[in-house]
Amino acid sequence: MLPVVTAKEMQKADKAAIEQLHIGETRLMELAGRECVRIITETLRRDSLGGASFLVIAGKGNNGGDGFVIARHLLNLDASVDLLLLYPESLLTGVNREGLSILEAYSTFSAPLRIFRSIEEALPFAAETAYDSLIDAITGTGLCLTEESMELPAPLSSGIELLNSIRERSGSPTIAVDLPSGLDATTGFAATPVVVADATVTMAFLKTGLFLNDGPELCGELHVAEISIPGFLADPACAQLTDKEFAAEQFLLREPSSAKHSNGKVLIIAGSHSEQGSMLGAAILAAKGALRAGAGYVAVSMPIAHAGVMHTALPEVVVIGRDSASIAEKARWADTILIGCGLGRDKSSLDLVATLLATEDIINKKLILDADALYALSVMGTEMLANLSGDVLLTPHYGELSRINGMTAEQIASDPIETARAVAANLGVHLLLKGSPTVIADPEGSILLNTSGTDALATAGTGDLLSGMIAALAAKGAPLFNAAAAGAWFHGRAGDLAGDVSSLVSSGMVADAIQIAIGEIFELKEEK
């Protein structure tokens, strides 16, 4: 998994690389520039950059210095470069001044390079040049936005507006160096104006701001430039990004001689039926998620009078009633217990959750609380969690968490990483906070981020599938924290492959999509 760092963590790692590992600032900038040009070449899908034309807009900090190195390597590959300096040369120092001096020397050898020292000077040429790409080297991780600094001053604002206007007018792709200028590297909040990038080449490590708030809409396709800053300098990082390899490790393959009882036993307490309506579909979807993720044995506690509905949909599932004896027996048997999918919100349902969370055969199990079980916590209090001695996972979306901790959904969305971290620590549980990205936190402060999936997953029933999948992975032996993150990855990948909302809630496509995703993962792992 790749580390995801805040601006402060990146600056600390950068400083440590220079001062403790003696990797010179010039060397770091050179590596950054060369790696950017390699990725730019791949992004433009060109075998050669000969004859290509680029506009590089550079600020006065190290981001601008990276831009100077990029411009030089583009010239070395027979491209032509227009370089716009947003600040006077007198404000450039150290390696940045050195980088510009080298480019000025290039000009004496008739290199296809034009250096503009003001926007006014650049405008006539920029208006008539068809650029193959625009390079944003204006600001980097050093930009830290506050309520007072959301409006960027000139010449930053003028440079960003020029770059965006050329992109909009010509269709030339913008490639941002480190992150789109005007974007806060930590929070993902965007200033006015802000660069809209088609691709972002971020240095050394991913930044949290690329995944939060405005970041995903602005950064385009993400690439990480390897610039010789080792991962241990970012340890501990704010978060880790889940990937195929991590998910594959949590999906434990069955032994050829194994029996169903040794491949994960899941008890799902879900579904309701009353005069107000039926939510038996939630129980069916949760059971389906558990089966598709490889659980060897799935039992569902639901209104026994409607067992036929489950048997028709999934004949392989064992159905038990809601009486305490039946639940206690299956709870002792189960490896993981899932409570809440379509359970109902009337008084009897709330009382059932309270009873379950005080039941001796349940409190020491791997336990997942979803949907209406989360509603019960918000109504009856999180003190109910104090009875539990096993691993516990809560799976709220922003609205459900808002009811539990009193924050508004907007406040949660503005900083989901630190919110999830705080809630997990305060309640002593694992937390899967559904959103974009999905944030998985454990009580000790570890954070995993999942970015697989599309907006097709934001529809009724997909959360029940996810909970069932997590329950199966945990029942088969994955730690609950890892199972939650891997389940989110598989779930998102299924959404990517399914293609549209309706297919996600139909029985066939969900199964096919998840099976395809899992197959792809293991094919990739075997190749490596």
Protein backbone atom coordinates (compact mmCIF):
# COMPACT_ATOMS: atom_id res chain seq x y z
CA MET A 1 0.00 0.00 0.00
CA LEU A 2 1.13 3.56 -0.68
CA PRO A 3 1.48 6.07 2.17
CA VAL A 4 -0.73 9.16 2.08
CA VAL A 5 0.77 12.15 3.88
CA THR A 6 -0.20 15.62 5.00
CA ALA A 7 1.74 18.70 3.93
CA LYS A 8 3.61 18.74 7.26
CA GLU A 9 4.52 15.07 6.95
CA MET A 10 5.81 15.66 3.42
CA GLN A 11 7.88 18.65 4.49
CA LYS A 12 9.31 16.61 7.38
CA ALA A 13 10.26 13.74 5.05
CA ASP A 14 11.78 16.17 2.55
CA LYS A 15 13.85 17.83 5.25
CA ALA A 16 14.99 14.47 6.65
CA ALA A 17 16.08 13.31 3.19
CA ILE A 18 18.27 16.40 2.83
CA GLU A 19 19.65 16.67 6.36
CA GLN A 20 19.82 13.06 7.56
CA LEU A 21 20.30 11.08 4.36
CA HIS A 22 22.38 13.82 2.70
CA ILE A 23 20.35 13.72 -0.50
CA GLY A 24 21.07 17.20 -1.79
CA GLU A 25 18.25 19.58 -2.68
CA THR A 26 19.61 19.85 -6.20
CA ARG A 27 19.56 16.06 -6.57
CA LEU A 28 15.96 15.86 -5.32
CA MET A 29 14.85 18.56 -7.74
CA GLU A 30 16.66 16.89 -10.62
CA LEU A 31 15.03 13.55 -9.86
CA ALA A 32 11.63 15.24 -9.57
CA GLY A 33 11.97 16.97 -12.92
CA ARG A 34 13.20 13.90 -14.78
CA GLU A 35 10.48 11.67 -13.32
CA CYS A 36 7.84 14.26 -14.24
CA VAL A 37 9.01 14.33 -17.84
CA ARG A 38 8.91 10.52 -17.99
CA ILE A 39 5.33 10.51 -16.71
CA ILE A 40 4.37 13.41 -18.98
CA THR A 41 5.59 11.40 -21.97
CA GLU A 42 3.48 8.42 -20.87
CA THR A 43 0.46 10.61 -20.16
CA LEU A 44 0.58 12.14 -23.63
CA ARG A 45 0.97 8.62 -25.10
CA ARG A 46 3.85 9.67 -27.29
CA ASP A 47 6.89 7.61 -28.25
CA SER A 48 8.88 10.81 -28.57
CA LEU A 49 8.48 14.43 -27.50
CA GLY A 50 10.36 15.69 -30.57
CA GLY A 51 8.41 18.59 -32.06
CA ALA A 52 5.99 18.84 -29.12
CA SER A 53 5.28 22.25 -27.61
CA PHE A 54 4.86 23.01 -23.88
CA LEU A 55 3.95 25.98 -21.73
CA VAL A 56 5.49 25.88 -18.25
CA ILE A 57 4.19 28.42 -15.72
CA ALA A 58 6.54 28.68 -12.75
CA GLY A 59 6.21 30.18 -9.29
CA LYS A 60 9.03 31.31 -7.01
CA GLY A 61 9.24 28.27 -4.69
CA ASN A 62 10.53 24.75 -5.18
CA ASN A 63 7.52 23.93 -7.33
CA GLY A 64 8.77 26.54 -9.77
CA GLY A 65 12.25 25.05 -9.45
CA ASP A 66 10.82 21.68 -10.49
CA GLY A 67 9.31 23.48 -13.46
CA PHE A 68 12.75 24.75 -14.55
CA VAL A 69 14.16 21.20 -14.48
CA ILE A 70 11.12 19.91 -16.38
CA ALA A 71 11.62 22.60 -19.03
CA ARG A 72 15.29 21.63 -19.44
CA HIS A 73 14.55 17.94 -19.88
CA LEU A 74 11.77 18.71 -22.34
CA LEU A 75 14.28 20.69 -24.38
CA ASN A 76 16.74 17.78 -24.18
CA LEU A 77 14.05 15.60 -25.76
CA ASP A 78 13.70 18.03 -28.70
CA ALA A 79 10.48 19.67 -27.50
CA SER A 80 9.95 23.42 -27.60
CA VAL A 81 9.18 25.26 -24.37
CA ASP A 82 7.59 28.56 -23.42
CA LEU A 83 8.46 29.39 -19.79
CA LEU A 84 6.44 32.03 -17.95
CA LEU A 85 7.97 33.43 -14.74
CA LEU A 86 5.29 34.77 -12.41
CA TYR A 87 7.81 36.49 -10.12
CA PRO A 88 10.92 38.62 -10.72
CA GLU A 89 14.20 36.73 -10.92
CA SER A 90 15.41 38.64 -7.86
CA LEU A 91 12.99 36.63 -5.71
CA LEU A 92 14.50 33.30 -6.79
CA THR A 93 17.17 31.83 -4.52
CA GLY A 94 19.39 28.75 -4.25
CA VAL A 95 18.59 25.81 -6.50
CA ASN A 96 15.68 27.70 -8.09
CA ARG A 97 17.95 30.49 -9.28
CA GLU A 98 20.45 27.90 -10.45
CA GLY A 99 17.76 26.12 -12.47
CA LEU A 100 16.75 29.31 -14.24
CA SER A 101 20.39 30.22 -14.95
CA ILE A 102 20.88 26.91 -16.76
CA LEU A 103 17.84 27.62 -18.93
CA GLU A 104 19.09 31.11 -19.70
CA ALA A 105 22.34 29.52 -20.85
CA TYR A 106 20.35 27.17 -23.11
CA SER A 107 18.97 30.24 -24.87
CA THR A 108 22.46 31.23 -26.01
CA PHE A 109 22.63 27.98 -27.98
CA SER A 110 19.46 28.74 -29.93
CA ALA A 111 17.38 26.21 -28.01
CA PRO A 112 13.63 26.31 -28.85
CA LEU A 113 12.95 28.16 -25.59
CA ARG A 114 11.15 31.44 -24.91
CA ILE A 115 11.31 32.90 -21.41
CA PHE A 116 8.55 35.38 -20.53
CA ARG A 117 9.02 37.55 -17.46
CA SER A 118 5.43 38.76 -17.20
CA ILE A 119 1.97 37.60 -18.17
CA GLU A 120 1.61 40.60 -20.45
CA GLU A 121 4.73 39.57 -22.33
CA ALA A 122 3.52 35.98 -22.67
CA LEU A 123 -0.06 36.68 -23.76
CA PRO A 124 0.47 37.35 -27.51
CA PHE A 125 2.57 34.21 -27.94
CA ALA A 126 0.35 32.00 -25.76
CA ALA A 127 -2.70 33.06 -27.76
CA GLU A 128 -1.26 31.84 -31.05
CA THR A 129 0.65 28.71 -29.93
CA ALA A 130 -0.93 25.27 -30.02
CA TYR A 131 0.57 23.61 -26.95
CA ASP A 132 0.66 19.86 -26.59
CA SER A 133 0.52 20.29 -22.81
CA LEU A 134 0.47 22.93 -20.09
CA ILE A 135 2.67 22.44 -17.02
CA ASP A 136 1.49 23.85 -13.71
CA ALA A 137 4.59 24.54 -11.55
CA ILE A 138 3.14 27.47 -9.63
CA THR A 139 2.57 26.36 -6.02
CA GLY A 140 3.24 23.10 -4.19
CA THR A 141 2.65 21.60 -0.77
CA GLY A 142 3.72 24.86 0.86
CA LEU A 143 0.33 26.45 0.17
CA CYS A 144 -1.67 26.25 3.41
CA LEU A 145 -5.13 27.77 3.13
CA THR A 146 -7.01 29.53 5.92
CA GLU A 147 -10.38 31.25 5.88
CA GLU A 148 -8.53 34.51 5.28
CA SER A 149 -6.38 33.20 2.41
CA MET A 150 -8.94 31.46 0.20
CA GLU A 151 -8.65 34.25 -2.37
CA LEU A 152 -5.22 34.03 -3.99
CA PRO A 153 -3.42 37.32 -4.76
CA ALA A 154 -1.72 38.29 -8.01
CA PRO A 155 0.44 37.10 -9.65
CA LEU A 156 -0.63 33.62 -8.43
CA SER A 157 -4.24 34.23 -9.39
CA SER A 158 -3.28 35.68 -12.78
CA GLY A 159 -1.05 32.72 -13.62
CA ILE A 160 -3.70 30.17 -12.64
CA GLU A 161 -6.41 32.00 -14.58
CA LEU A 162 -4.19 32.16 -17.67
CA LEU A 163 -3.42 28.44 -17.49
CA ASN A 164 -7.10 27.50 -17.05
CA SER A 165 -8.20 29.79 -19.87
CA ILE A 166 -5.68 28.29 -22.32
CA ARG A 167 -6.76 24.78 -21.33
CA GLU A 168 -10.43 25.64 -21.81
CA ARG A 169 -9.85 27.41 -25.12
CA SER A 170 -7.44 24.96 -26.73
CA GLY A 171 -8.17 21.66 -25.02
CA SER A 172 -4.48 21.27 -24.20
CA PRO A 173 -4.14 19.00 -21.13
CA THR A 174 -2.82 20.51 -17.93
CA ILE A 175 -0.33 18.49 -15.91
CA ALA A 176 0.12 19.69 -12.33
CA VAL A 177 3.46 19.29 -10.58
CA ASP A 178 2.90 17.84 -7.08
CA LEU A 179 -0.72 19.06 -6.89
CA PRO A 180 -2.95 21.54 -8.71
CA SER A 181 -1.93 25.06 -7.72
CA GLY A 182 -4.42 26.59 -5.33
CA LEU A 183 -5.24 23.23 -3.69
CA ASP A 184 -4.38 22.69 -0.02
CA ALA A 185 -2.25 19.54 0.13
CA THR A 186 -3.68 18.48 3.49
CA THR A 187 -7.36 19.42 3.48
CA GLY A 188 -8.19 19.27 -0.22
CA PHE A 189 -9.93 22.64 -0.03
CA ALA A 190 -9.42 24.82 -3.09
CA ALA A 191 -8.62 28.50 -3.23
CA THR A 192 -10.05 30.91 -5.78
CA PRO A 193 -8.81 30.48 -8.45
CA VAL A 194 -7.43 26.95 -8.60
CA VAL A 195 -5.85 24.94 -11.41
CA VAL A 196 -8.03 22.27 -13.02
CA ALA A 197 -5.59 19.52 -13.96
CA ASP A 198 -5.97 16.57 -16.29
CA ALA A 199 -3.14 14.75 -14.52
CA THR A 200 -1.11 15.35 -11.38
CA VAL A 201 2.42 14.11 -10.79
CA THR A 202 2.85 14.19 -7.02
CA MET A 203 6.31 13.95 -5.49
CA ALA A 204 7.42 10.93 -3.42
CA PHE A 205 4.10 10.26 -1.66
CA LEU A 206 0.39 10.80 -2.21
CA LYS A 207 -1.09 13.75 -0.31
CA THR A 208 -4.31 13.64 1.69
CA GLY A 209 -5.63 16.73 -0.12
CA LEU A 210 -5.70 14.83 -3.40
CA PHE A 211 -8.49 12.61 -2.00
CA LEU A 212 -10.50 15.03 0.14
CA ASN A 213 -13.06 17.75 -0.59
CA ASP A 214 -12.20 19.51 -3.89
CA GLY A 215 -9.08 17.43 -4.56
CA PRO A 216 -10.56 14.52 -6.55
CA GLU A 217 -12.36 16.89 -8.94
CA LEU A 218 -9.20 18.91 -9.64
CA CYS A 219 -6.26 16.53 -9.79
CA GLY A 220 -7.23 14.34 -12.73
CA GLU A 221 -5.23 11.14 -13.19
CA LEU A 222 -2.80 10.62 -10.31
CA HIS A 223 0.86 9.60 -10.66
CA VAL A 224 3.53 9.31 -7.97
CA ALA A 225 7.05 10.42 -8.89
CA GLU A 226 9.76 8.32 -7.23
CA ILE A 227 12.42 10.87 -6.20
CA SER A 228 14.56 8.76 -3.84
CA ILE A 229 12.81 9.75 -0.60
CA PRO A 230 12.43 6.36 1.12
CA GLY A 231 9.13 5.28 2.62
CA PHE A 232 10.50 5.02 6.14
CA LEU A 233 10.81 8.81 6.22
CA ALA A 234 7.01 8.98 5.93
CA ASP A 235 6.43 6.40 8.67
CA PRO A 236 4.03 6.80 10.36
CA ALA A 237 2.05 8.41 7.57
CA CYS A 238 -1.39 9.94 8.06
CA ALA A 239 -2.93 7.06 6.10
CA GLN A 240 -2.31 4.19 3.71
CA LEU A 241 -4.09 3.66 0.39
CA THR A 242 -5.60 0.20 -0.13
CA ASP A 243 -4.70 -1.64 -3.31
CA LYS A 244 -5.15 -4.96 -5.15
CA GLU A 245 -2.33 -6.69 -3.33
CA PHE A 246 -3.62 -5.75 0.11
CA ALA A 247 -7.16 -6.87 -0.77
CA ALA A 248 -5.87 -10.15 -2.18
CA GLU A 249 -4.02 -10.91 1.05
CA GLN A 250 -7.28 -10.64 3.02
CA PHE A 251 -9.15 -12.95 0.66
CA LEU A 252 -7.97 -16.27 2.05
CA LEU A 253 -8.10 -19.09 -0.49
CA ARG A 254 -9.84 -22.30 0.56
CA GLU A 255 -7.78 -25.42 1.06
CA PRO A 256 -8.83 -28.11 -1.43
CA SER A 257 -9.74 -30.52 1.38
CA SER A 258 -11.50 -27.96 3.58
CA ALA A 259 -15.16 -28.16 4.60
CA LYS A 260 -17.74 -25.40 4.74
CA HIS A 261 -17.41 -25.03 8.52
CA SER A 262 -13.69 -24.20 8.19
CA ASN A 263 -14.19 -21.45 5.59
CA GLY A 264 -15.94 -18.84 7.68
CA LYS A 265 -19.27 -19.03 9.47
CA VAL A 266 -21.38 -15.87 9.34
CA LEU A 267 -24.50 -15.06 11.33
CA ILE A 268 -26.55 -12.18 9.95
CA ILE A 269 -29.32 -10.71 12.12
CA ALA A 270 -31.25 -8.61 9.65
CA GLY A 271 -34.48 -7.96 7.83
CA SER A 272 -37.94 -7.05 9.06
CA HIS A 273 -41.54 -7.23 7.92
CA SER A 274 -44.38 -5.15 9.28
CA GLU A 275 -47.46 -3.21 8.24
CA GLN A 276 -45.16 -0.26 7.53
CA GLY A 277 -43.25 -2.25 4.93
CA SER A 278 -40.78 -5.04 4.26
CA MET A 279 -36.98 -4.79 4.47
CA LEU A 280 -36.26 -8.45 3.80
CA GLY A 281 -34.27 -7.45 0.73
CA ALA A 282 -31.54 -6.00 2.95
CA ALA A 283 -31.07 -9.39 4.61
CA ILE A 284 -30.93 -11.12 1.22
CA LEU A 285 -28.31 -8.68 -0.10
CA ALA A 286 -26.17 -8.99 3.05
CA ALA A 287 -26.28 -12.79 2.77
CA LYS A 288 -25.45 -12.58 -0.90
CA GLY A 289 -22.42 -10.39 -0.14
CA ALA A 290 -21.18 -12.91 2.42
CA LEU A 291 -21.57 -15.83 0.03
CA ARG A 292 -19.91 -14.05 -2.90
CA ALA A 293 -16.94 -13.16 -0.68
CA GLY A 294 -16.43 -16.82 0.08
CA ALA A 295 -18.09 -17.55 3.41
CA GLY A 296 -18.43 -21.29 3.91
CA TYR A 297 -21.68 -21.14 5.87
CA VAL A 298 -24.20 -18.29 6.21
CA ALA A 299 -27.11 -18.25 8.65
CA VAL A 300 -29.68 -15.46 8.75
CA SER A 301 -31.90 -14.63 11.71
CA MET A 302 -35.05 -13.04 10.30
CA PRO A 303 -38.83 -13.17 10.78
CA ILE A 304 -39.30 -16.92 10.44
CA ALA A 305 -42.71 -16.55 8.81
CA HIS A 306 -40.93 -15.09 5.78
CA ALA A 307 -38.14 -17.67 5.54
CA GLY A 308 -39.49 -18.69 2.14
CA VAL A 309 -38.39 -15.37 0.68
CA MET A 310 -34.79 -16.06 1.67
CA HIS A 311 -34.92 -19.71 0.59
CA THR A 312 -36.23 -18.71 -2.82
CA ALA A 313 -33.50 -16.10 -3.31
CA LEU A 314 -30.63 -18.05 -1.72
CA PRO A 315 -31.43 -21.69 -0.98
CA GLU A 316 -27.92 -22.26 0.41
CA VAL A 317 -28.57 -19.93 3.38
CA VAL A 318 -29.76 -21.37 6.71
CA VAL A 319 -32.66 -19.38 8.20
CA ILE A 320 -33.37 -19.20 11.92
CA GLY A 321 -35.95 -17.23 13.85
CA ARG A 322 -35.64 -14.31 16.18
CA ASP A 323 -36.03 -16.22 19.44
CA SER A 324 -33.17 -15.80 21.90
CA ALA A 325 -32.35 -19.54 22.06
CA SER A 326 -31.86 -19.86 18.29
CA ILE A 327 -29.77 -16.68 18.12
CA ALA A 328 -27.59 -17.72 21.08
CA GLU A 329 -26.92 -21.13 19.55
CA LYS A 330 -25.86 -19.68 16.18
CA ALA A 331 -23.89 -16.89 17.87
CA ARG A 332 -21.75 -19.48 19.66
CA TRP A 333 -21.21 -21.20 16.31
CA ALA A 334 -20.43 -18.09 14.23
CA ASP A 335 -17.01 -16.60 13.50
CA THR A 336 -18.50 -13.19 12.67
CA ILE A 337 -21.90 -11.65 13.44
CA LEU A 338 -23.51 -8.88 11.38
CA ILE A 339 -26.42 -6.94 12.90
CA GLY A 340 -28.65 -4.28 11.44
CA CYS A 341 -29.34 -4.54 7.70
CA GLY A 342 -33.04 -3.72 7.33
CA LEU A 343 -33.68 -4.59 10.98
CA GLY A 344 -36.22 -1.80 11.47
CA ARG A 345 -36.41 1.27 13.69
CA ASP A 346 -39.49 0.63 15.79
CA LYS A 347 -39.24 0.09 19.55
CA SER A 348 -39.08 -3.69 19.27
CA SER A 349 -36.14 -3.42 16.85
CA LEU A 350 -34.31 -0.97 19.12
CA ASP A 351 -34.87 -3.26 22.09
CA LEU A 352 -33.59 -6.21 20.07
CA VAL A 353 -30.30 -4.43 19.34
CA ALA A 354 -29.89 -3.56 23.03
CA THR A 355 -30.54 -7.19 23.98
CA LEU A 356 -28.13 -8.52 21.38
CA LEU A 357 -25.34 -6.21 22.53
CA ALA A 358 -25.72 -7.56 26.05
CA THR A 359 -25.90 -11.22 25.07
CA GLU A 360 -22.98 -13.25 26.40
CA ASP A 361 -22.64 -15.35 23.26
CA ILE A 362 -22.35 -12.21 21.10
CA ILE A 363 -20.25 -9.72 23.04
CA ASN A 364 -16.93 -11.54 22.52
CA LYS A 365 -17.32 -12.15 18.78
CA LYS A 366 -16.15 -10.26 15.71
CA LEU A 367 -19.16 -7.98 15.37
CA ILE A 368 -20.32 -5.66 12.58
CA LEU A 369 -22.99 -3.06 13.27
CA ASP A 370 -24.62 -1.53 10.21
CA ALA A 371 -27.70 0.41 9.17
CA ASP A 372 -30.49 0.10 11.76
CA ALA A 373 -28.07 -1.12 14.44
CA LEU A 374 -26.29 2.22 14.00
CA TYR A 375 -29.63 3.99 14.34
CA ALA A 376 -30.19 2.13 17.60
CA LEU A 377 -26.83 3.39 18.87
CA SER A 378 -27.80 6.96 18.01
CA VAL A 379 -31.12 6.64 19.87
CA MET A 380 -30.12 4.49 22.84
CA GLY A 381 -26.55 5.68 23.27
CA THR A 382 -23.09 4.38 22.45
CA GLU A 383 -22.80 3.22 26.09
CA MET A 384 -24.15 -0.09 24.75
CA LEU A 385 -20.75 -0.66 23.17
CA ALA A 386 -19.14 -0.86 26.60
CA ASN A 387 -20.48 -4.41 27.01
CA LEU A 388 -18.52 -5.70 24.02
CA SER A 389 -15.20 -7.46 24.49
CA GLY A 390 -14.56 -8.65 20.91
CA ASP A 391 -13.57 -6.67 17.82
CA VAL A 392 -16.36 -4.33 16.73
CA LEU A 393 -16.83 -2.53 13.41
CA LEU A 394 -19.27 0.32 12.77
CA THR A 395 -20.05 1.08 9.11
CA PRO A 396 -21.79 4.48 8.94
CA HIS A 397 -22.14 6.95 6.12
CA TYR A 398 -21.89 10.65 7.02
CA GLY A 399 -25.56 10.97 7.96
CA GLU A 400 -25.48 7.91 10.24
CA LEU A 401 -22.31 9.07 11.96
CA SER A 402 -23.83 12.52 12.37
CA ARG A 403 -26.67 11.02 14.39
CA ILE A 404 -24.17 9.15 16.57
CA ASN A 405 -21.60 11.86 17.35
CA GLY A 406 -23.59 15.08 16.89
CA MET A 407 -21.43 16.60 14.15
CA THR A 408 -23.14 17.78 10.99
CA ALA A 409 -22.64 15.75 7.83
CA GLU A 410 -20.87 18.78 6.35
CA GLN A 411 -18.40 18.91 9.25
CA ILE A 412 -17.68 15.21 8.88
CA ALA A 413 -17.19 15.54 5.12
CA SER A 414 -14.76 18.42 5.54
CA ASP A 415 -12.30 16.26 7.50
CA PRO A 416 -13.35 12.60 7.32
CA ILE A 417 -9.91 11.23 8.18
CA GLU A 418 -9.52 12.97 11.53
CA THR A 419 -13.21 12.51 12.32
CA ALA A 420 -12.98 8.76 11.77
CA ARG A 421 -9.76 8.58 13.76
CA ALA A 422 -11.32 10.41 16.72
CA VAL A 423 -14.57 8.41 16.72
CA ALA A 424 -12.74 5.07 16.54
CA ALA A 425 -10.47 6.04 19.42
CA ASN A 426 -13.27 7.47 21.58
CA LEU A 427 -15.58 4.48 21.13
CA GLY A 428 -12.87 1.83 21.07
CA VAL A 429 -14.10 0.37 17.78
CA HIS A 430 -13.08 -0.02 14.17
CA LEU A 431 -14.90 2.43 11.92
CA LEU A 432 -15.63 2.25 8.21
CA LEU A 433 -16.82 5.71 7.19
CA LYS A 434 -18.50 5.42 3.80
CA GLY A 435 -17.80 8.23 1.38
CA SER A 436 -15.34 9.32 -1.24
CA PRO A 437 -12.84 8.24 -0.13
CA THR A 438 -14.01 5.55 2.27
CA VAL A 439 -12.04 5.94 5.51
CA ILE A 440 -11.28 2.94 7.71
CA ALA A 441 -9.97 3.68 11.22
CA ASP A 442 -8.94 1.52 14.15
CA PRO A 443 -8.92 2.45 17.86
CA GLU A 444 -5.13 2.91 17.84
CA GLY A 445 -5.28 5.64 15.18
CA SER A 446 -4.34 3.72 12.02
CA ILE A 447 -6.12 4.88 8.86
CA LEU A 448 -6.70 3.11 5.55
CA LEU A 449 -8.25 4.88 2.58
CA ASN A 450 -10.19 3.23 -0.22
CA THR A 451 -10.81 4.99 -3.53
CA SER A 452 -12.11 2.14 -5.69
CA GLY A 453 -15.68 2.45 -6.89
CA THR A 454 -17.97 4.87 -8.68
CA ASP A 455 -21.08 6.87 -7.85
CA ALA A 456 -23.03 3.78 -8.95
CA LEU A 457 -22.43 2.47 -5.42
CA ALA A 458 -24.45 5.32 -3.92
CA THR A 459 -27.73 3.47 -4.19
CA ALA A 460 -29.97 1.46 -1.90
CA GLY A 461 -28.77 -2.05 -1.11
CA THR A 462 -25.09 -1.72 -1.92
CA GLY A 463 -24.22 -1.06 1.72
CA ASP A 464 -25.85 -4.35 2.71
CA LEU A 465 -23.69 -6.16 0.16
CA LEU A 466 -20.58 -4.48 1.58
CA SER A 467 -21.36 -5.49 5.15
CA GLY A 468 -21.92 -9.09 4.10
CA MET A 469 -18.62 -9.13 2.23
CA ILE A 470 -16.73 -7.76 5.23
CA ALA A 471 -18.38 -10.33 7.49
CA ALA A 472 -17.19 -13.16 5.22
CA LEU A 473 -13.60 -11.89 5.02
CA ALA A 474 -13.45 -11.50 8.79
CA ALA A 475 -15.02 -14.92 9.36
CA LYS A 476 -12.41 -16.54 7.15
CA GLY A 477 -9.62 -15.15 9.31
CA ALA A 478 -8.78 -11.59 8.24
CA PRO A 479 -8.48 -9.09 11.11
CA LEU A 480 -11.67 -7.04 11.23
CA PHE A 481 -9.85 -3.78 10.38
CA ASN A 482 -8.24 -5.37 7.32
CA ALA A 483 -11.47 -7.13 6.35
CA ALA A 484 -13.30 -3.79 6.35
CA ALA A 485 -10.72 -2.15 4.10
CA ALA A 486 -10.46 -5.13 1.75
CA GLY A 487 -14.23 -5.47 1.60
CA ALA A 488 -14.48 -1.81 0.62
CA TRP A 489 -11.90 -2.36 -2.13
CA PHE A 490 -13.66 -5.44 -3.54
CA HIS A 491 -17.02 -3.69 -3.28
CA GLY A 492 -15.71 -0.64 -5.11
CA ARG A 493 -14.05 -2.74 -7.76
CA ALA A 494 -17.31 -4.60 -8.31
CA GLY A 495 -18.99 -1.25 -8.85
CA ASP A 496 -16.29 -0.25 -11.36
CA LEU A 497 -16.85 -3.44 -13.32
CA ALA A 498 -20.64 -3.62 -13.07
CA GLY A 499 -20.95 -0.38 -14.96
CA ASP A 500 -24.33 0.98 -13.91
CA VAL A 501 -26.59 1.36 -10.89
CA SER A 502 -29.23 -1.16 -11.88
CA SER A 503 -26.69 -3.94 -12.37
CA LEU A 504 -25.39 -3.53 -8.84
CA VAL A 505 -28.67 -4.47 -7.24
CA SER A 506 -29.44 -7.34 -9.58
CA SER A 507 -28.34 -10.76 -8.44
CA GLY A 508 -26.38 -11.78 -11.51
CA MET A 509 -24.27 -8.71 -12.09
CA VAL A 510 -23.20 -8.31 -8.47
CA ALA A 511 -21.91 -11.87 -8.42
CA ASP A 512 -20.23 -11.58 -11.81
CA ALA A 513 -18.58 -8.25 -11.01
CA ILE A 514 -17.16 -9.40 -7.70
CA GLN A 515 -15.93 -12.67 -9.18
CA ILE A 516 -14.22 -10.81 -12.03
CA ALA A 517 -12.58 -8.40 -9.58
CA ILE A 518 -11.27 -11.18 -7.35
CA GLY A 519 -10.03 -13.14 -10.37
CA GLU A 520 -8.14 -10.13 -11.71
CA ILE A 521 -6.45 -9.57 -8.35
CA PHE A 522 -5.08 -13.07 -8.09
CA GLU A 523 -3.95 -13.08 -11.72
CA LEU A 524 -1.96 -9.91 -11.03
CA LYS A 525 -0.54 -11.30 -7.81
CA GLU A 526 0.59 -14.52 -9.50
CA GLU A 527 2.33 -12.55 -12.26
CA LYS A 528 4.35 -10.69 -9.66
